[in-house]
Amino acid sequence: GDSVNHRLIFSGYQHHLSVRENPIIKNL
């Protein structure tokens, strides 16, 4: 889980937001 989550940072994932509030997740 950490490996994937930390890699998502390079795509713009923001850990201070919930999963559904992240801009890159909203557009899926």
PDB file of all heavy atoms in Angstrom:
ATOM      1  N   GLY A   1       0.810  -1.214   0.000  1.00  0.00           N
ATOM      2  CA  GLY A   1       0.000   0.000   0.000  1.00  0.00           C
ATOM      3  C   GLY A   1       0.840   1.258   0.000  1.00  0.00           C
ATOM      4  O   GLY A   1       0.580   2.204  -0.758  1.00  0.00           O
ATOM      5  N   ASP A   2       1.879   1.284   0.837  1.00  0.00           N
ATOM      6  CA  ASP A   2       2.760   2.453   0.894  1.00  0.00           C
ATOM      7  C   ASP A   2       3.496   2.664  -0.413  1.00  0.00           C
ATOM      8  O   ASP A   2       3.690   3.800  -0.858  1.00  0.00           O
ATOM      9  CB  ASP A   2       3.772   2.279   2.031  1.00  0.00           C
ATOM     10  CG  ASP A   2       3.419   3.146   3.222  1.00  0.00           C
ATOM     11  OD1 ASP A   2       2.279   3.659   3.267  1.00  0.00           O
ATOM     12  OD2 ASP A   2       4.272   3.318   4.104  1.00  0.00           O
ATOM     13  N   SER A   3       3.943   1.576  -1.027  1.00  0.00           N
ATOM     14  CA  SER A   3       4.686   1.683  -2.281  1.00  0.00           C
ATOM     15  C   SER A   3       3.848   2.377  -3.346  1.00  0.00           C
ATOM     16  O   SER A   3       4.313   3.282  -4.037  1.00  0.00           O
ATOM     17  CB  SER A   3       5.103   0.293  -2.758  1.00  0.00           C
ATOM     18  OG  SER A   3       5.830   0.382  -3.975  1.00  0.00           O
ATOM     19  N   VAL A   4       2.587   1.956  -3.460  1.00  0.00           N
ATOM     20  CA  VAL A   4       1.702   2.571  -4.452  1.00  0.00           C
ATOM     21  C   VAL A   4       1.372   4.010  -4.069  1.00  0.00           C
ATOM     22  O   VAL A   4       1.445   4.926  -4.893  1.00  0.00           O
ATOM     23  CB  VAL A   4       0.405   1.748  -4.609  1.00  0.00           C
ATOM     24  CG1 VAL A   4      -0.561   2.444  -5.554  1.00  0.00           C
ATOM     25  CG2 VAL A   4       0.726   0.344  -5.119  1.00  0.00           C
ATOM     26  N   ASN A   5       1.029   4.234  -2.793  1.00  0.00           N
ATOM     27  CA  ASN A   5       0.650   5.579  -2.355  1.00  0.00           C
ATOM     28  C   ASN A   5       1.780   6.588  -2.517  1.00  0.00           C
ATOM     29  O   ASN A   5       1.555   7.729  -2.931  1.00  0.00           O
ATOM     30  CB  ASN A   5       0.189   5.541  -0.891  1.00  0.00           C
ATOM     31  CG  ASN A   5      -1.180   4.930  -0.736  1.00  0.00           C
ATOM     32  OD1 ASN A   5      -1.989   4.956  -1.663  1.00  0.00           O
ATOM     33  ND2 ASN A   5      -1.465   4.362   0.429  1.00  0.00           N
ATOM     34  N   HIS A   6       2.989   6.171  -2.201  1.00  0.00           N
ATOM     35  CA  HIS A   6       4.117   7.095  -2.332  1.00  0.00           C
ATOM     36  C   HIS A   6       4.451   7.363  -3.794  1.00  0.00           C
ATOM     37  O   HIS A   6       4.902   8.453  -4.139  1.00  0.00           O
ATOM     38  CB  HIS A   6       5.335   6.532  -1.600  1.00  0.00           C
ATOM     39  CG  HIS A   6       5.174   6.523  -0.113  1.00  0.00           C
ATOM     40  ND1 HIS A   6       6.091   5.925   0.729  1.00  0.00           N
ATOM     41  CD2 HIS A   6       4.209   7.035   0.691  1.00  0.00           C
ATOM     42  CE1 HIS A   6       5.686   6.073   1.984  1.00  0.00           C
ATOM     43  NE2 HIS A   6       4.545   6.734   1.981  1.00  0.00           N
ATOM     44  N   ARG A   7       4.242   6.395  -4.650  1.00  0.00           N
ATOM     45  CA  ARG A   7       4.460   6.614  -6.081  1.00  0.00           C
ATOM     46  C   ARG A   7       3.439   7.599  -6.650  1.00  0.00           C
ATOM     47  O   ARG A   7       3.716   8.327  -7.590  1.00  0.00           O
ATOM     48  CB  ARG A   7       4.370   5.299  -6.858  1.00  0.00           C
ATOM     49  CG  ARG A   7       5.443   4.271  -6.538  1.00  0.00           C
ATOM     50  CD  ARG A   7       6.798   4.843  -6.591  1.00  0.00           C
ATOM     51  NE  ARG A   7       7.738   3.937  -7.238  1.00  0.00           N
ATOM     52  CZ  ARG A   7       9.026   4.209  -7.359  1.00  0.00           C
ATOM     53  NH1 ARG A   7       9.500   5.327  -6.884  1.00  0.00           N
ATOM     54  NH2 ARG A   7       9.832   3.374  -7.952  1.00  0.00           N
ATOM     55  N   LEU A   8       2.232   7.591  -6.075  1.00  0.00           N
ATOM     56  CA  LEU A   8       1.195   8.493  -6.554  1.00  0.00           C
ATOM     57  C   LEU A   8       1.560   9.963  -6.337  1.00  0.00           C
ATOM     58  O   LEU A   8       1.012  10.844  -7.004  1.00  0.00           O
ATOM     59  CB  LEU A   8      -0.131   8.188  -5.849  1.00  0.00           C
ATOM     60  CG  LEU A   8      -0.843   6.895  -6.256  1.00  0.00           C
ATOM     61  CD1 LEU A   8      -2.072   6.670  -5.381  1.00  0.00           C
ATOM     62  CD2 LEU A   8      -1.245   6.933  -7.726  1.00  0.00           C
ATOM     63  N   ILE A   9       2.468  10.228  -5.393  1.00  0.00           N
ATOM     64  CA  ILE A   9       2.896  11.607  -5.145  1.00  0.00           C
ATOM     65  C   ILE A   9       3.464  12.231  -6.414  1.00  0.00           C
ATOM     66  O   ILE A   9       3.235  13.408  -6.715  1.00  0.00           O
ATOM     67  CB  ILE A   9       3.948  11.654  -4.014  1.00  0.00           C
ATOM     68  CG1 ILE A   9       3.285  11.288  -2.681  1.00  0.00           C
ATOM     69  CG2 ILE A   9       4.578  13.043  -3.914  1.00  0.00           C
ATOM     70  CD1 ILE A   9       4.247  11.257  -1.526  1.00  0.00           C
ATOM     71  N   PHE A  10       4.189  11.425  -7.206  1.00  0.00           N
ATOM     72  CA  PHE A  10       4.796  11.933  -8.433  1.00  0.00           C
ATOM     73  C   PHE A  10       3.736  12.276  -9.478  1.00  0.00           C
ATOM     74  O   PHE A  10       4.018  12.971 -10.446  1.00  0.00           O
ATOM     75  CB  PHE A  10       5.777  10.903  -9.003  1.00  0.00           C
ATOM     76  CG  PHE A  10       6.992  10.699  -8.154  1.00  0.00           C
ATOM     77  CD1 PHE A  10       7.092   9.608  -7.299  1.00  0.00           C
ATOM     78  CD2 PHE A  10       8.045  11.597  -8.200  1.00  0.00           C
ATOM     79  CE1 PHE A  10       8.217   9.423  -6.514  1.00  0.00           C
ATOM     80  CE2 PHE A  10       9.174  11.419  -7.411  1.00  0.00           C
ATOM     81  CZ  PHE A  10       9.260  10.330  -6.565  1.00  0.00           C
ATOM     82  N   SER A  11       2.528  11.775  -9.288  1.00  0.00           N
ATOM     83  CA  SER A  11       1.431  12.078 -10.210  1.00  0.00           C
ATOM     84  C   SER A  11       0.523  13.180  -9.682  1.00  0.00           C
ATOM     85  O   SER A  11      -0.488  13.503 -10.297  1.00  0.00           O
ATOM     86  CB  SER A  11       0.602  10.809 -10.474  1.00  0.00           C
ATOM     87  OG  SER A  11       1.404   9.782 -11.013  1.00  0.00           O
ATOM     88  N   GLY A  12       0.888  13.716  -8.502  1.00  0.00           N
ATOM     89  CA  GLY A  12       0.114  14.816  -7.952  1.00  0.00           C
ATOM     90  C   GLY A  12      -0.798  14.448  -6.804  1.00  0.00           C
ATOM     91  O   GLY A  12      -1.591  15.284  -6.361  1.00  0.00           O
ATOM     92  N   TYR A  13      -0.702  13.214  -6.314  1.00  0.00           N
ATOM     93  CA  TYR A  13      -1.556  12.810  -5.184  1.00  0.00           C
ATOM     94  C   TYR A  13      -1.139  13.585  -3.939  1.00  0.00           C
ATOM     95  O   TYR A  13       0.046  13.782  -3.676  1.00  0.00           O
ATOM     96  CB  TYR A  13      -1.425  11.309  -4.942  1.00  0.00           C
ATOM     97  CG  TYR A  13      -2.404  10.763  -3.926  1.00  0.00           C
ATOM     98  CD1 TYR A  13      -3.681  10.382  -4.307  1.00  0.00           C
ATOM     99  CD2 TYR A  13      -2.051  10.636  -2.584  1.00  0.00           C
ATOM    100  CE1 TYR A  13      -4.590   9.880  -3.377  1.00  0.00           C
ATOM    101  CE2 TYR A  13      -2.949  10.137  -1.660  1.00  0.00           C
ATOM    102  CZ  TYR A  13      -4.217   9.760  -2.063  1.00  0.00           C
ATOM    103  OH  TYR A  13      -5.115   9.273  -1.142  1.00  0.00           O
ATOM    104  N   GLN A  14      -2.125  14.014  -3.156  1.00  0.00           N
ATOM    105  CA  GLN A  14      -1.883  14.818  -1.965  1.00  0.00           C
ATOM    106  C   GLN A  14      -2.391  14.079  -0.732  1.00  0.00           C
ATOM    107  O   GLN A  14      -3.598  13.869  -0.585  1.00  0.00           O
ATOM    108  CB  GLN A  14      -2.580  16.178  -2.094  1.00  0.00           C
ATOM    109  CG  GLN A  14      -2.125  16.966  -3.318  1.00  0.00           C
ATOM    110  CD  GLN A  14      -2.935  18.225  -3.524  1.00  0.00           C
ATOM    111  OE1 GLN A  14      -3.091  19.022  -2.598  1.00  0.00           O
ATOM    112  NE2 GLN A  14      -3.454  18.414  -4.724  1.00  0.00           N
ATOM    113  N   HIS A  15      -1.452  13.699   0.135  1.00  0.00           N
ATOM    114  CA  HIS A  15      -1.809  12.884   1.299  1.00  0.00           C
ATOM    115  C   HIS A  15      -2.624  13.650   2.333  1.00  0.00           C
ATOM    116  O   HIS A  15      -3.237  13.028   3.213  1.00  0.00           O
ATOM    117  CB  HIS A  15      -0.548  12.318   1.957  1.00  0.00           C
ATOM    118  CG  HIS A  15      -0.020  11.090   1.281  1.00  0.00           C
ATOM    119  ND1 HIS A  15      -0.519   9.839   1.526  1.00  0.00           N
ATOM    120  CD2 HIS A  15       0.946  10.927   0.350  1.00  0.00           C
ATOM    121  CE1 HIS A  15       0.116   8.949   0.782  1.00  0.00           C
ATOM    122  NE2 HIS A  15       1.014   9.584   0.062  1.00  0.00           N
ATOM    123  N   HIS A  16      -2.607  14.964   2.264  1.00  0.00           N
ATOM    124  CA  HIS A  16      -3.375  15.731   3.242  1.00  0.00           C
ATOM    125  C   HIS A  16      -4.854  15.808   2.874  1.00  0.00           C
ATOM    126  O   HIS A  16      -5.650  16.381   3.612  1.00  0.00           O
ATOM    127  CB  HIS A  16      -2.796  17.143   3.392  1.00  0.00           C
ATOM    128  CG  HIS A  16      -2.784  17.935   2.120  1.00  0.00           C
ATOM    129  ND1 HIS A  16      -1.776  17.822   1.195  1.00  0.00           N
ATOM    130  CD2 HIS A  16      -3.663  18.833   1.613  1.00  0.00           C
ATOM    131  CE1 HIS A  16      -2.017  18.626   0.178  1.00  0.00           C
ATOM    132  NE2 HIS A  16      -3.152  19.250   0.399  1.00  0.00           N
ATOM    133  N   LEU A  17      -5.222  15.232   1.718  1.00  0.00           N
ATOM    134  CA  LEU A  17      -6.618  15.171   1.302  1.00  0.00           C
ATOM    135  C   LEU A  17      -7.103  13.721   1.359  1.00  0.00           C
ATOM    136  O   LEU A  17      -6.299  12.794   1.279  1.00  0.00           O
ATOM    137  CB  LEU A  17      -6.790  15.716  -0.124  1.00  0.00           C
ATOM    138  CG  LEU A  17      -6.390  17.176  -0.362  1.00  0.00           C
ATOM    139  CD1 LEU A  17      -6.493  17.509  -1.843  1.00  0.00           C
ATOM    140  CD2 LEU A  17      -7.248  18.127   0.467  1.00  0.00           C
ATOM    141  N   SER A  18      -8.399  13.533   1.483  1.00  0.00           N
ATOM    142  CA  SER A  18      -8.943  12.184   1.437  1.00  0.00           C
ATOM    143  C   SER A  18      -8.842  11.641   0.020  1.00  0.00           C
ATOM    144  O   SER A  18      -8.548  12.388  -0.924  1.00  0.00           O
ATOM    145  CB  SER A  18     -10.402  12.182   1.895  1.00  0.00           C
ATOM    146  OG  SER A  18     -11.213  12.874   0.964  1.00  0.00           O
ATOM    147  N   VAL A  19      -9.085  10.331  -0.136  1.00  0.00           N
ATOM    148  CA  VAL A  19      -8.948   9.712  -1.455  1.00  0.00           C
ATOM    149  C   VAL A  19      -9.854  10.395  -2.477  1.00  0.00           C
ATOM    150  O   VAL A  19      -9.430  10.781  -3.567  1.00  0.00           O
ATOM    151  CB  VAL A  19      -9.272   8.205  -1.378  1.00  0.00           C
ATOM    152  CG1 VAL A  19      -9.258   7.586  -2.777  1.00  0.00           C
ATOM    153  CG2 VAL A  19      -8.258   7.498  -0.483  1.00  0.00           C
ATOM    154  N   ARG A  20     -11.111  10.577  -2.132  1.00  0.00           N
ATOM    155  CA  ARG A  20     -12.082  11.134  -3.079  1.00  0.00           C
ATOM    156  C   ARG A  20     -11.881  12.625  -3.326  1.00  0.00           C
ATOM    157  O   ARG A  20     -12.345  13.154  -4.331  1.00  0.00           O
ATOM    158  CB  ARG A  20     -13.503  10.877  -2.592  1.00  0.00           C
ATOM    159  CG  ARG A  20     -13.900   9.414  -2.698  1.00  0.00           C
ATOM    160  CD  ARG A  20     -15.355   9.166  -2.396  1.00  0.00           C
ATOM    161  NE  ARG A  20     -15.679   7.753  -2.550  1.00  0.00           N
ATOM    162  CZ  ARG A  20     -16.068   7.203  -3.695  1.00  0.00           C
ATOM    163  NH1 ARG A  20     -16.217   7.954  -4.776  1.00  0.00           N
ATOM    164  NH2 ARG A  20     -16.328   5.906  -3.762  1.00  0.00           N
ATOM    165  N   GLU A  21     -11.191  13.331  -2.425  1.00  0.00           N
ATOM    166  CA  GLU A  21     -10.962  14.763  -2.612  1.00  0.00           C
ATOM    167  C   GLU A  21      -9.734  15.058  -3.458  1.00  0.00           C
ATOM    168  O   GLU A  21      -9.522  16.194  -3.866  1.00  0.00           O
ATOM    169  CB  GLU A  21     -10.807  15.446  -1.246  1.00  0.00           C
ATOM    170  CG  GLU A  21     -12.098  15.520  -0.445  1.00  0.00           C
ATOM    171  CD  GLU A  21     -11.876  16.128   0.922  1.00  0.00           C
ATOM    172  OE1 GLU A  21     -10.719  16.135   1.389  1.00  0.00           O
ATOM    173  OE2 GLU A  21     -12.851  16.593   1.531  1.00  0.00           O
ATOM    174  N   ASN A  22      -8.903  14.044  -3.736  1.00  0.00           N
ATOM    175  CA  ASN A  22      -7.694  14.272  -4.518  1.00  0.00           C
ATOM    176  C   ASN A  22      -8.042  14.574  -5.975  1.00  0.00           C
ATOM    177  O   ASN A  22      -8.822  13.832  -6.590  1.00  0.00           O
ATOM    178  CB  ASN A  22      -6.774  13.041  -4.451  1.00  0.00           C
ATOM    179  CG  ASN A  22      -5.708  13.202  -3.393  1.00  0.00           C
ATOM    180  OD1 ASN A  22      -4.627  13.706  -3.666  1.00  0.00           O
ATOM    181  ND2 ASN A  22      -6.038  12.778  -2.189  1.00  0.00           N
ATOM    182  N   PRO A  23      -7.468  15.646  -6.533  1.00  0.00           N
ATOM    183  CA  PRO A  23      -7.781  16.020  -7.918  1.00  0.00           C
ATOM    184  C   PRO A  23      -7.527  14.902  -8.919  1.00  0.00           C
ATOM    185  O   PRO A  23      -8.332  14.695  -9.831  1.00  0.00           O
ATOM    186  CB  PRO A  23      -6.851  17.213  -8.170  1.00  0.00           C
ATOM    187  CG  PRO A  23      -6.589  17.786  -6.819  1.00  0.00           C
ATOM    188  CD  PRO A  23      -6.557  16.613  -5.883  1.00  0.00           C
ATOM    189  N   ILE A  24      -6.433  14.143  -8.760  1.00  0.00           N
ATOM    190  CA  ILE A  24      -6.125  13.108  -9.746  1.00  0.00           C
ATOM    191  C   ILE A  24      -7.083  11.927  -9.626  1.00  0.00           C
ATOM    192  O   ILE A  24      -7.298  11.192 -10.590  1.00  0.00           O
ATOM    193  CB  ILE A  24      -4.663  12.617  -9.626  1.00  0.00           C
ATOM    194  CG1 ILE A  24      -4.442  11.902  -8.280  1.00  0.00           C
ATOM    195  CG2 ILE A  24      -3.682  13.756  -9.800  1.00  0.00           C
ATOM    196  CD1 ILE A  24      -3.115  11.162  -8.228  1.00  0.00           C
ATOM    197  N   ILE A  25      -7.680  11.736  -8.452  1.00  0.00           N
ATOM    198  CA  ILE A  25      -8.635  10.646  -8.259  1.00  0.00           C
ATOM    199  C   ILE A  25     -10.012  11.040  -8.783  1.00  0.00           C
ATOM    200  O   ILE A  25     -10.741  10.219  -9.353  1.00  0.00           O
ATOM    201  CB  ILE A  25      -8.718  10.251  -6.776  1.00  0.00           C
ATOM    202  CG1 ILE A  25      -7.335   9.827  -6.253  1.00  0.00           C
ATOM    203  CG2 ILE A  25      -9.715   9.125  -6.570  1.00  0.00           C
ATOM    204  CD1 ILE A  25      -6.760   8.591  -6.893  1.00  0.00           C
ATOM    205  N   LYS A  26     -10.376  12.313  -8.602  1.00  0.00           N
ATOM    206  CA  LYS A  26     -11.687  12.787  -9.047  1.00  0.00           C
ATOM    207  C   LYS A  26     -11.911  12.572 -10.540  1.00  0.00           C
ATOM    208  O   LYS A  26     -13.031  12.345 -10.986  1.00  0.00           O
ATOM    209  CB  LYS A  26     -11.836  14.278  -8.733  1.00  0.00           C
ATOM    210  CG  LYS A  26     -12.092  14.598  -7.272  1.00  0.00           C
ATOM    211  CD  LYS A  26     -12.254  16.096  -7.089  1.00  0.00           C
ATOM    212  CE  LYS A  26     -12.557  16.449  -5.638  1.00  0.00           C
ATOM    213  NZ  LYS A  26     -12.695  17.919  -5.458  1.00  0.00           N
ATOM    214  N   ASN A  27     -10.818  12.639 -11.312  1.00  0.00           N
ATOM    215  CA  ASN A  27     -10.937  12.561 -12.772  1.00  0.00           C
ATOM    216  C   ASN A  27     -10.891  11.140 -13.311  1.00  0.00           C
ATOM    217  O   ASN A  27     -10.882  10.940 -14.529  1.00  0.00           O
ATOM    218  CB  ASN A  27      -9.826  13.389 -13.430  1.00  0.00           C
ATOM    219  CG  ASN A  27      -9.912  14.866 -13.059  1.00  0.00           C
ATOM    220  OD1 ASN A  27     -11.008  15.393 -12.899  1.00  0.00           O
ATOM    221  ND2 ASN A  27      -8.771  15.514 -12.902  1.00  0.00           N
ATOM    222  N   LEU A  28     -10.834  10.148 -12.433  1.00  0.00           N
ATOM    223  CA  LEU A  28     -10.751   8.758 -12.900  1.00  0.00           C
ATOM    224  C   LEU A  28     -12.065   8.320 -13.542  1.00  0.00           C
ATOM    225  O   LEU A  28     -13.150   8.647 -13.075  1.00  0.00           O
ATOM    226  CB  LEU A  28     -10.428   7.830 -11.731  1.00  0.00           C
ATOM    227  CG  LEU A  28      -8.994   7.833 -11.197  1.00  0.00           C
ATOM    228  CD1 LEU A  28      -8.879   6.909  -9.999  1.00  0.00           C
ATOM    229  CD2 LEU A  28      -8.002   7.399 -12.278  1.00  0.00           C
TER     230      LEU A  28
END
